[in-house]
N, C-alpha and C. Protein backbone atom coordinates (compact mmCIF):
# COMPACT_ATOMS: atom_id res chain seq x y z
N MET A 1 86.71 141.48 -1.12
CA MET A 1 85.50 141.40 -1.92
C MET A 1 84.89 140.00 -1.87
N LYS A 2 85.77 138.96 -1.93
CA LYS A 2 85.28 137.59 -1.86
C LYS A 2 84.63 137.32 -0.51
N LYS A 3 85.22 137.87 0.57
CA LYS A 3 84.63 137.67 1.89
C LYS A 3 83.26 138.33 1.98
N LEU A 4 83.13 139.50 1.39
CA LEU A 4 81.84 140.20 1.41
C LEU A 4 80.80 139.41 0.61
N LEU A 5 81.21 138.87 -0.52
CA LEU A 5 80.30 138.07 -1.34
C LEU A 5 79.86 136.81 -0.58
N LEU A 6 80.79 136.15 0.10
CA LEU A 6 80.45 134.98 0.91
C LEU A 6 79.51 135.34 2.05
N LEU A 7 79.74 136.48 2.68
CA LEU A 7 78.87 136.91 3.77
C LEU A 7 77.44 137.16 3.29
N VAL A 8 77.30 137.57 2.04
CA VAL A 8 75.96 137.80 1.48
C VAL A 8 75.33 136.48 1.02
N LEU A 9 76.12 135.61 0.39
CA LEU A 9 75.58 134.38 -0.18
C LEU A 9 75.27 133.31 0.86
N ILE A 10 76.06 133.22 1.93
CA ILE A 10 75.85 132.16 2.92
C ILE A 10 74.46 132.24 3.54
N PRO A 11 74.01 133.41 4.00
CA PRO A 11 72.65 133.45 4.56
C PRO A 11 71.57 133.11 3.52
N LEU A 12 71.80 133.52 2.28
CA LEU A 12 70.82 133.20 1.24
C LEU A 12 70.75 131.70 0.97
N ILE A 13 71.91 131.06 0.93
CA ILE A 13 71.95 129.62 0.68
C ILE A 13 71.38 128.87 1.87
N SER A 14 71.72 129.30 3.09
CA SER A 14 71.25 128.59 4.27
C SER A 14 69.76 128.79 4.51
N CYS A 15 69.17 129.79 3.89
CA CYS A 15 67.73 130.03 4.03
C CYS A 15 66.94 129.42 2.89
N ASN A 16 67.47 128.37 2.32
CA ASN A 16 66.79 127.71 1.21
C ASN A 16 65.46 127.15 1.71
N ILE A 17 64.38 127.80 1.32
CA ILE A 17 63.05 127.41 1.74
C ILE A 17 62.46 126.49 0.68
N SER A 18 61.82 125.44 1.14
CA SER A 18 61.21 124.48 0.23
C SER A 18 60.16 125.18 -0.63
N THR A 19 60.11 124.78 -1.90
CA THR A 19 59.11 125.36 -2.80
C THR A 19 57.80 124.60 -2.72
N LYS A 20 57.74 123.56 -1.91
CA LYS A 20 56.52 122.78 -1.76
C LYS A 20 55.48 123.63 -1.02
N THR A 21 54.30 123.74 -1.59
CA THR A 21 53.26 124.55 -0.96
C THR A 21 52.27 123.65 -0.23
N ILE A 22 51.71 124.18 0.81
CA ILE A 22 50.73 123.44 1.60
C ILE A 22 49.37 124.09 1.41
N ASN A 23 48.40 123.29 1.09
CA ASN A 23 47.03 123.75 0.94
C ASN A 23 46.32 123.46 2.26
N VAL A 24 45.85 124.52 2.92
CA VAL A 24 45.11 124.34 4.16
C VAL A 24 43.63 124.40 3.83
N LYS A 25 42.96 123.28 4.09
CA LYS A 25 41.53 123.19 3.83
C LYS A 25 40.80 123.43 5.14
N GLU A 26 39.86 124.35 5.12
CA GLU A 26 39.07 124.68 6.31
C GLU A 26 37.72 123.99 6.21
N ILE A 27 37.38 123.22 7.24
CA ILE A 27 36.14 122.46 7.27
C ILE A 27 35.34 122.88 8.50
N ASP A 28 34.04 123.09 8.33
CA ASP A 28 33.18 123.45 9.46
C ASP A 28 32.89 122.22 10.32
N LEU A 29 32.87 122.44 11.62
CA LEU A 29 32.44 121.43 12.58
C LEU A 29 31.06 121.82 13.09
N TYR A 30 30.27 120.81 13.43
CA TYR A 30 28.96 121.05 14.00
C TYR A 30 28.91 120.38 15.36
N GLU A 31 28.42 121.12 16.34
CA GLU A 31 28.39 120.62 17.71
C GLU A 31 26.98 120.20 18.10
N TYR A 32 26.90 119.05 18.77
CA TYR A 32 25.64 118.59 19.33
C TYR A 32 25.96 117.88 20.63
N LYS A 33 25.49 118.42 21.74
CA LYS A 33 25.72 117.86 23.07
C LYS A 33 27.21 117.59 23.32
N ASN A 34 28.04 118.59 23.06
CA ASN A 34 29.49 118.54 23.27
C ASN A 34 30.21 117.51 22.40
N MET A 35 29.58 117.06 21.34
CA MET A 35 30.22 116.18 20.37
C MET A 35 30.28 116.95 19.05
N HIS A 36 31.30 116.68 18.27
CA HIS A 36 31.53 117.44 17.03
C HIS A 36 31.44 116.53 15.82
N PHE A 37 30.90 117.09 14.75
CA PHE A 37 30.65 116.36 13.52
C PHE A 37 31.17 117.14 12.32
N VAL A 38 31.47 116.40 11.26
CA VAL A 38 31.91 116.97 9.99
C VAL A 38 30.91 116.52 8.93
N ASP A 39 30.41 117.46 8.12
CA ASP A 39 29.53 117.12 7.00
C ASP A 39 30.37 116.63 5.84
N VAL A 40 29.94 115.53 5.24
CA VAL A 40 30.61 114.99 4.06
C VAL A 40 29.56 114.51 3.07
N ILE A 41 30.01 114.26 1.86
CA ILE A 41 29.21 113.59 0.84
C ILE A 41 29.84 112.22 0.65
N LEU A 42 29.09 111.18 0.96
CA LEU A 42 29.56 109.81 0.83
C LEU A 42 28.76 109.16 -0.30
N ASN A 43 29.46 108.89 -1.40
CA ASN A 43 28.81 108.33 -2.60
C ASN A 43 27.55 109.12 -2.97
N ASN A 44 27.73 110.43 -3.07
CA ASN A 44 26.68 111.37 -3.50
C ASN A 44 25.52 111.52 -2.53
N LYS A 45 25.69 111.12 -1.27
CA LYS A 45 24.65 111.30 -0.26
C LYS A 45 25.24 112.05 0.94
N LYS A 46 24.49 113.05 1.41
CA LYS A 46 24.95 113.84 2.54
C LYS A 46 24.88 113.02 3.82
N CYS A 47 25.90 113.19 4.66
CA CYS A 47 25.89 112.56 5.98
C CYS A 47 26.91 113.28 6.86
N ARG A 48 26.99 112.86 8.08
CA ARG A 48 27.96 113.42 9.02
C ARG A 48 28.82 112.30 9.59
N LEU A 49 30.06 112.71 9.92
CA LEU A 49 30.97 111.82 10.61
C LEU A 49 31.22 112.40 11.99
N LEU A 50 31.16 111.56 13.01
CA LEU A 50 31.47 111.96 14.36
C LEU A 50 32.97 112.13 14.48
N LEU A 51 33.43 113.30 14.89
CA LEU A 51 34.86 113.55 15.09
C LEU A 51 35.23 112.93 16.43
N ASP A 52 36.10 111.93 16.40
CA ASP A 52 36.45 111.20 17.61
C ASP A 52 37.96 111.08 17.72
N THR A 53 38.57 111.99 18.49
CA THR A 53 40.03 111.98 18.64
C THR A 53 40.50 110.79 19.47
N GLY A 54 39.59 110.08 20.11
CA GLY A 54 39.95 108.88 20.87
C GLY A 54 39.87 107.61 20.05
N ALA A 55 39.32 107.70 18.84
CA ALA A 55 39.23 106.53 17.96
C ALA A 55 40.51 106.40 17.16
N SER A 56 41.13 105.25 17.19
CA SER A 56 42.40 105.07 16.47
C SER A 56 42.20 105.00 14.96
N LYS A 57 41.01 104.59 14.51
CA LYS A 57 40.73 104.43 13.08
C LYS A 57 39.45 105.17 12.69
N SER A 58 39.39 105.57 11.44
CA SER A 58 38.16 106.12 10.88
C SER A 58 37.31 104.94 10.42
N LEU A 59 36.04 104.97 10.80
CA LEU A 59 35.17 103.81 10.60
C LEU A 59 33.85 104.21 9.98
N LEU A 60 33.32 103.33 9.14
CA LEU A 60 31.96 103.46 8.65
C LEU A 60 31.13 102.35 9.26
N ASP A 61 29.85 102.63 9.44
CA ASP A 61 28.91 101.65 9.96
C ASP A 61 28.54 100.70 8.81
N ILE A 62 28.94 99.43 8.92
CA ILE A 62 28.66 98.50 7.82
C ILE A 62 27.18 98.25 7.64
N GLY A 63 26.40 98.55 8.65
CA GLY A 63 24.96 98.42 8.52
C GLY A 63 24.35 99.43 7.56
N LYS A 64 25.12 100.43 7.17
CA LYS A 64 24.65 101.44 6.24
C LYS A 64 25.24 101.27 4.84
N ALA A 65 25.84 100.12 4.59
CA ALA A 65 26.49 99.87 3.30
C ALA A 65 25.51 99.95 2.14
N ASP A 66 24.33 99.40 2.29
CA ASP A 66 23.35 99.45 1.19
C ASP A 66 22.89 100.88 0.92
N TYR A 67 22.59 101.62 1.96
CA TYR A 67 22.10 102.99 1.78
C TYR A 67 23.16 103.89 1.14
N TYR A 68 24.40 103.81 1.64
CA TYR A 68 25.47 104.67 1.10
C TYR A 68 26.22 104.01 -0.06
N GLU A 69 25.84 102.81 -0.42
CA GLU A 69 26.36 102.11 -1.60
C GLU A 69 27.87 101.90 -1.57
N PHE A 70 28.40 101.46 -0.44
CA PHE A 70 29.80 101.06 -0.38
C PHE A 70 29.85 99.57 -0.09
N SER A 71 31.00 98.98 -0.38
CA SER A 71 31.16 97.53 -0.18
C SER A 71 32.07 97.28 1.01
N SER A 72 31.90 96.10 1.61
CA SER A 72 32.74 95.74 2.75
C SER A 72 33.12 94.27 2.66
N LEU A 73 34.26 93.95 3.24
CA LEU A 73 34.78 92.58 3.23
C LEU A 73 35.37 92.31 4.60
N LEU A 74 34.91 91.25 5.26
CA LEU A 74 35.43 90.87 6.57
C LEU A 74 36.91 90.51 6.42
N ILE A 75 37.78 91.16 7.20
CA ILE A 75 39.21 90.89 7.03
C ILE A 75 39.74 89.88 8.04
N ASN A 76 39.12 89.78 9.20
CA ASN A 76 39.55 88.76 10.15
C ASN A 76 38.53 88.64 11.26
N LYS A 77 38.72 87.66 12.08
CA LYS A 77 37.81 87.46 13.20
C LYS A 77 38.28 88.22 14.45
N ASP A 78 39.43 88.92 14.34
CA ASP A 78 39.86 89.76 15.46
C ASP A 78 38.83 90.85 15.64
N LYS A 79 38.57 91.17 16.83
CA LYS A 79 37.52 92.15 17.12
C LYS A 79 38.12 93.54 17.28
N TYR A 80 37.37 94.53 16.80
CA TYR A 80 37.72 95.93 17.02
C TYR A 80 37.08 96.34 18.32
N PHE A 81 37.86 96.88 19.22
CA PHE A 81 37.31 97.31 20.50
C PHE A 81 37.18 98.82 20.48
N GLY A 82 35.99 99.28 20.74
CA GLY A 82 35.74 100.72 20.76
C GLY A 82 34.32 100.99 21.13
N LEU A 83 33.75 102.05 20.54
CA LEU A 83 32.37 102.39 20.81
C LEU A 83 31.49 101.21 20.49
N GLY A 84 30.67 100.81 21.41
CA GLY A 84 29.77 99.70 21.15
C GLY A 84 30.35 98.34 21.50
N GLY A 85 31.58 98.28 22.02
CA GLY A 85 32.17 97.01 22.43
C GLY A 85 33.07 96.40 21.38
N LYS A 86 33.19 95.07 21.40
CA LYS A 86 34.06 94.35 20.47
C LYS A 86 33.26 93.93 19.24
N LYS A 87 33.77 94.27 18.06
CA LYS A 87 33.05 94.02 16.80
C LYS A 87 34.01 93.48 15.74
N ASP A 88 33.47 92.82 14.72
CA ASP A 88 34.27 92.38 13.58
C ASP A 88 34.77 93.60 12.81
N VAL A 89 35.91 93.43 12.12
CA VAL A 89 36.52 94.50 11.34
C VAL A 89 36.40 94.18 9.86
N PHE A 90 36.02 95.19 9.07
CA PHE A 90 35.82 95.03 7.63
C PHE A 90 36.69 96.03 6.87
N ILE A 91 37.11 95.64 5.67
CA ILE A 91 37.70 96.59 4.72
C ILE A 91 36.54 97.24 3.99
N ILE A 92 36.60 98.54 3.82
CA ILE A 92 35.57 99.28 3.10
C ILE A 92 36.15 99.69 1.74
N TYR A 93 35.37 99.48 0.67
CA TYR A 93 35.81 99.88 -0.66
C TYR A 93 34.61 100.30 -1.48
N ASP A 94 34.87 100.75 -2.70
CA ASP A 94 33.84 101.28 -3.60
C ASP A 94 33.12 102.49 -3.00
N TYR A 95 33.88 103.46 -2.56
CA TYR A 95 33.27 104.67 -2.01
C TYR A 95 34.09 105.89 -2.41
N HIS A 96 33.43 107.04 -2.35
CA HIS A 96 34.08 108.32 -2.61
C HIS A 96 33.53 109.32 -1.60
N VAL A 97 34.43 110.08 -0.99
CA VAL A 97 34.05 111.06 0.02
C VAL A 97 34.49 112.44 -0.43
N LYS A 98 33.62 113.43 -0.25
CA LYS A 98 33.95 114.83 -0.49
C LYS A 98 33.67 115.59 0.80
N PRO A 99 34.41 116.59 1.18
CA PRO A 99 35.37 117.39 0.43
C PRO A 99 36.82 116.94 0.61
N PHE A 100 37.07 115.81 1.21
CA PHE A 100 38.43 115.31 1.41
C PHE A 100 38.39 113.79 1.29
N HIS A 101 39.56 113.18 1.18
CA HIS A 101 39.61 111.72 1.12
C HIS A 101 39.93 111.18 2.52
N VAL A 102 39.30 110.10 2.86
CA VAL A 102 39.59 109.41 4.12
C VAL A 102 39.53 107.91 3.87
N ALA A 103 40.49 107.19 4.43
CA ALA A 103 40.52 105.73 4.33
C ALA A 103 39.73 105.17 5.51
N PHE A 104 38.74 104.36 5.21
CA PHE A 104 37.88 103.81 6.25
C PHE A 104 38.09 102.31 6.43
N LEU A 105 37.92 101.88 7.65
CA LEU A 105 37.63 100.49 7.95
C LEU A 105 36.14 100.47 8.30
N GLY A 106 35.59 99.29 8.49
CA GLY A 106 34.18 99.22 8.83
C GLY A 106 33.95 98.31 10.01
N THR A 107 32.90 98.60 10.73
CA THR A 107 32.45 97.76 11.83
C THR A 107 30.99 98.09 12.11
N ASP A 108 30.40 97.35 13.00
CA ASP A 108 29.01 97.62 13.36
C ASP A 108 28.97 98.79 14.34
N LEU A 109 28.55 99.94 13.86
CA LEU A 109 28.41 101.14 14.68
C LEU A 109 26.95 101.49 14.91
N SER A 110 26.08 100.51 14.76
CA SER A 110 24.65 100.80 14.81
C SER A 110 24.22 101.45 16.12
N GLU A 111 24.82 101.05 17.23
CA GLU A 111 24.45 101.65 18.51
C GLU A 111 24.77 103.14 18.55
N VAL A 112 25.86 103.51 17.89
CA VAL A 112 26.27 104.91 17.86
C VAL A 112 25.45 105.68 16.83
N THR A 113 25.39 105.17 15.60
CA THR A 113 24.73 105.93 14.53
C THR A 113 23.22 106.02 14.75
N GLU A 114 22.62 104.99 15.32
CA GLU A 114 21.18 105.05 15.56
C GLU A 114 20.82 106.10 16.60
N PHE A 115 21.69 106.31 17.58
CA PHE A 115 21.44 107.34 18.58
C PHE A 115 21.30 108.71 17.91
N PHE A 116 22.21 109.01 17.00
CA PHE A 116 22.17 110.32 16.34
C PHE A 116 21.08 110.38 15.29
N ASN A 117 20.82 109.28 14.61
CA ASN A 117 19.74 109.28 13.63
C ASN A 117 18.40 109.57 14.28
N ASP A 118 18.24 109.14 15.52
CA ASP A 118 17.01 109.46 16.25
C ASP A 118 16.91 110.95 16.55
N HIS A 119 18.02 111.65 16.45
CA HIS A 119 18.06 113.09 16.68
C HIS A 119 18.21 113.85 15.36
N ASN A 120 17.82 113.22 14.27
CA ASN A 120 17.86 113.82 12.92
C ASN A 120 19.26 114.25 12.49
N ILE A 121 20.26 113.50 12.91
CA ILE A 121 21.63 113.73 12.46
C ILE A 121 22.06 112.46 11.73
N PRO A 122 22.10 112.45 10.39
CA PRO A 122 22.45 111.24 9.65
C PRO A 122 23.96 110.94 9.76
N VAL A 123 24.34 110.14 10.74
CA VAL A 123 25.74 109.82 10.98
C VAL A 123 26.06 108.48 10.32
N ALA A 124 27.11 108.49 9.50
CA ALA A 124 27.51 107.28 8.79
C ALA A 124 28.70 106.60 9.43
N GLY A 125 29.44 107.34 10.28
CA GLY A 125 30.63 106.74 10.87
C GLY A 125 31.40 107.71 11.72
N VAL A 126 32.67 107.37 11.91
CA VAL A 126 33.56 108.09 12.81
C VAL A 126 34.81 108.53 12.05
N LEU A 127 35.20 109.77 12.26
CA LEU A 127 36.45 110.30 11.73
C LEU A 127 37.47 110.23 12.87
N GLY A 128 38.44 109.34 12.74
CA GLY A 128 39.36 109.05 13.83
C GLY A 128 40.70 109.75 13.73
N ILE A 129 41.54 109.43 14.70
CA ILE A 129 42.85 110.07 14.84
C ILE A 129 43.77 109.73 13.67
N ASP A 130 43.58 108.57 13.01
CA ASP A 130 44.41 108.23 11.86
C ASP A 130 44.29 109.29 10.77
N PHE A 131 43.07 109.72 10.49
CA PHE A 131 42.83 110.77 9.50
C PHE A 131 43.40 112.10 9.98
N LEU A 132 43.15 112.43 11.23
CA LEU A 132 43.60 113.71 11.77
C LEU A 132 45.12 113.83 11.74
N GLU A 133 45.83 112.78 12.11
CA GLU A 133 47.29 112.81 12.07
C GLU A 133 47.81 112.85 10.65
N ARG A 134 47.24 112.05 9.76
CA ARG A 134 47.70 111.99 8.37
C ARG A 134 47.60 113.35 7.69
N ASN A 135 46.62 114.15 8.08
CA ASN A 135 46.40 115.46 7.47
C ASN A 135 46.90 116.62 8.32
N SER A 136 47.72 116.33 9.32
CA SER A 136 48.26 117.37 10.22
C SER A 136 47.15 118.34 10.63
N SER A 137 46.08 117.78 11.11
CA SER A 137 44.87 118.57 11.41
C SER A 137 45.04 119.41 12.65
N LYS A 138 44.39 120.55 12.61
CA LYS A 138 44.29 121.45 13.76
C LYS A 138 42.80 121.68 13.99
N ILE A 139 42.38 121.52 15.23
CA ILE A 139 40.96 121.68 15.56
C ILE A 139 40.81 122.93 16.42
N ASP A 140 39.91 123.81 16.02
CA ASP A 140 39.59 125.00 16.79
C ASP A 140 38.15 124.86 17.27
N PHE A 141 37.99 124.42 18.51
CA PHE A 141 36.65 124.19 19.04
C PHE A 141 35.89 125.48 19.30
N LYS A 142 36.60 126.58 19.54
CA LYS A 142 35.92 127.86 19.74
C LYS A 142 35.26 128.34 18.46
N LEU A 143 35.94 128.17 17.35
CA LEU A 143 35.40 128.60 16.05
C LEU A 143 34.65 127.47 15.34
N ASN A 144 34.67 126.26 15.90
CA ASN A 144 34.07 125.09 15.27
C ASN A 144 34.59 124.87 13.85
N LYS A 145 35.92 124.79 13.76
CA LYS A 145 36.61 124.57 12.49
C LYS A 145 37.67 123.50 12.67
N ILE A 146 37.91 122.79 11.59
CA ILE A 146 39.06 121.90 11.53
C ILE A 146 39.86 122.30 10.30
N TYR A 147 41.17 122.37 10.45
CA TYR A 147 42.06 122.78 9.37
C TYR A 147 42.92 121.58 8.98
N LEU A 148 42.85 121.23 7.71
CA LEU A 148 43.60 120.09 7.19
C LEU A 148 44.73 120.60 6.34
N ASN A 149 45.95 120.21 6.65
CA ASN A 149 47.10 120.55 5.83
C ASN A 149 47.28 119.47 4.79
N GLN A 150 47.15 119.86 3.53
CA GLN A 150 47.27 118.89 2.45
C GLN A 150 48.30 119.38 1.45
N ASP A 151 49.25 118.50 1.10
CA ASP A 151 50.27 118.86 0.11
C ASP A 151 49.60 119.07 -1.24
N GLU A 152 50.09 120.08 -1.96
CA GLU A 152 49.56 120.33 -3.30
C GLU A 152 50.26 119.39 -4.27
């Protein structure tokens, strides 16, 4: 009888599944000329972020600080190398983003954001791989969706 009880209990104990639940947030992507964007609300103003899996950091264009009402502080003279060449790096603060949170650095992205603004796409910055990895993101380009796994 004890052996039978052990045979029943061992699989139950070994199948101890975590009670932690994962909230999967589904976000729409928008495509323009084979580039993908995410709509966000940045300090109560609508804008888009360019989804850039090649960017190591999520960035806001510091040239748009007044319009989107966020603050920036130069952190060093080391240059950020990426879209638009080598630029100064800033800490971004005093901002709120919906429908998800993202930690931004800042740099001059005017060459990038102005290109899209000329096409009536209000782009405020770049959503980089740091955000995608932190949220265990899955991108479905066929359905134009991004899925963010967020712990409850």
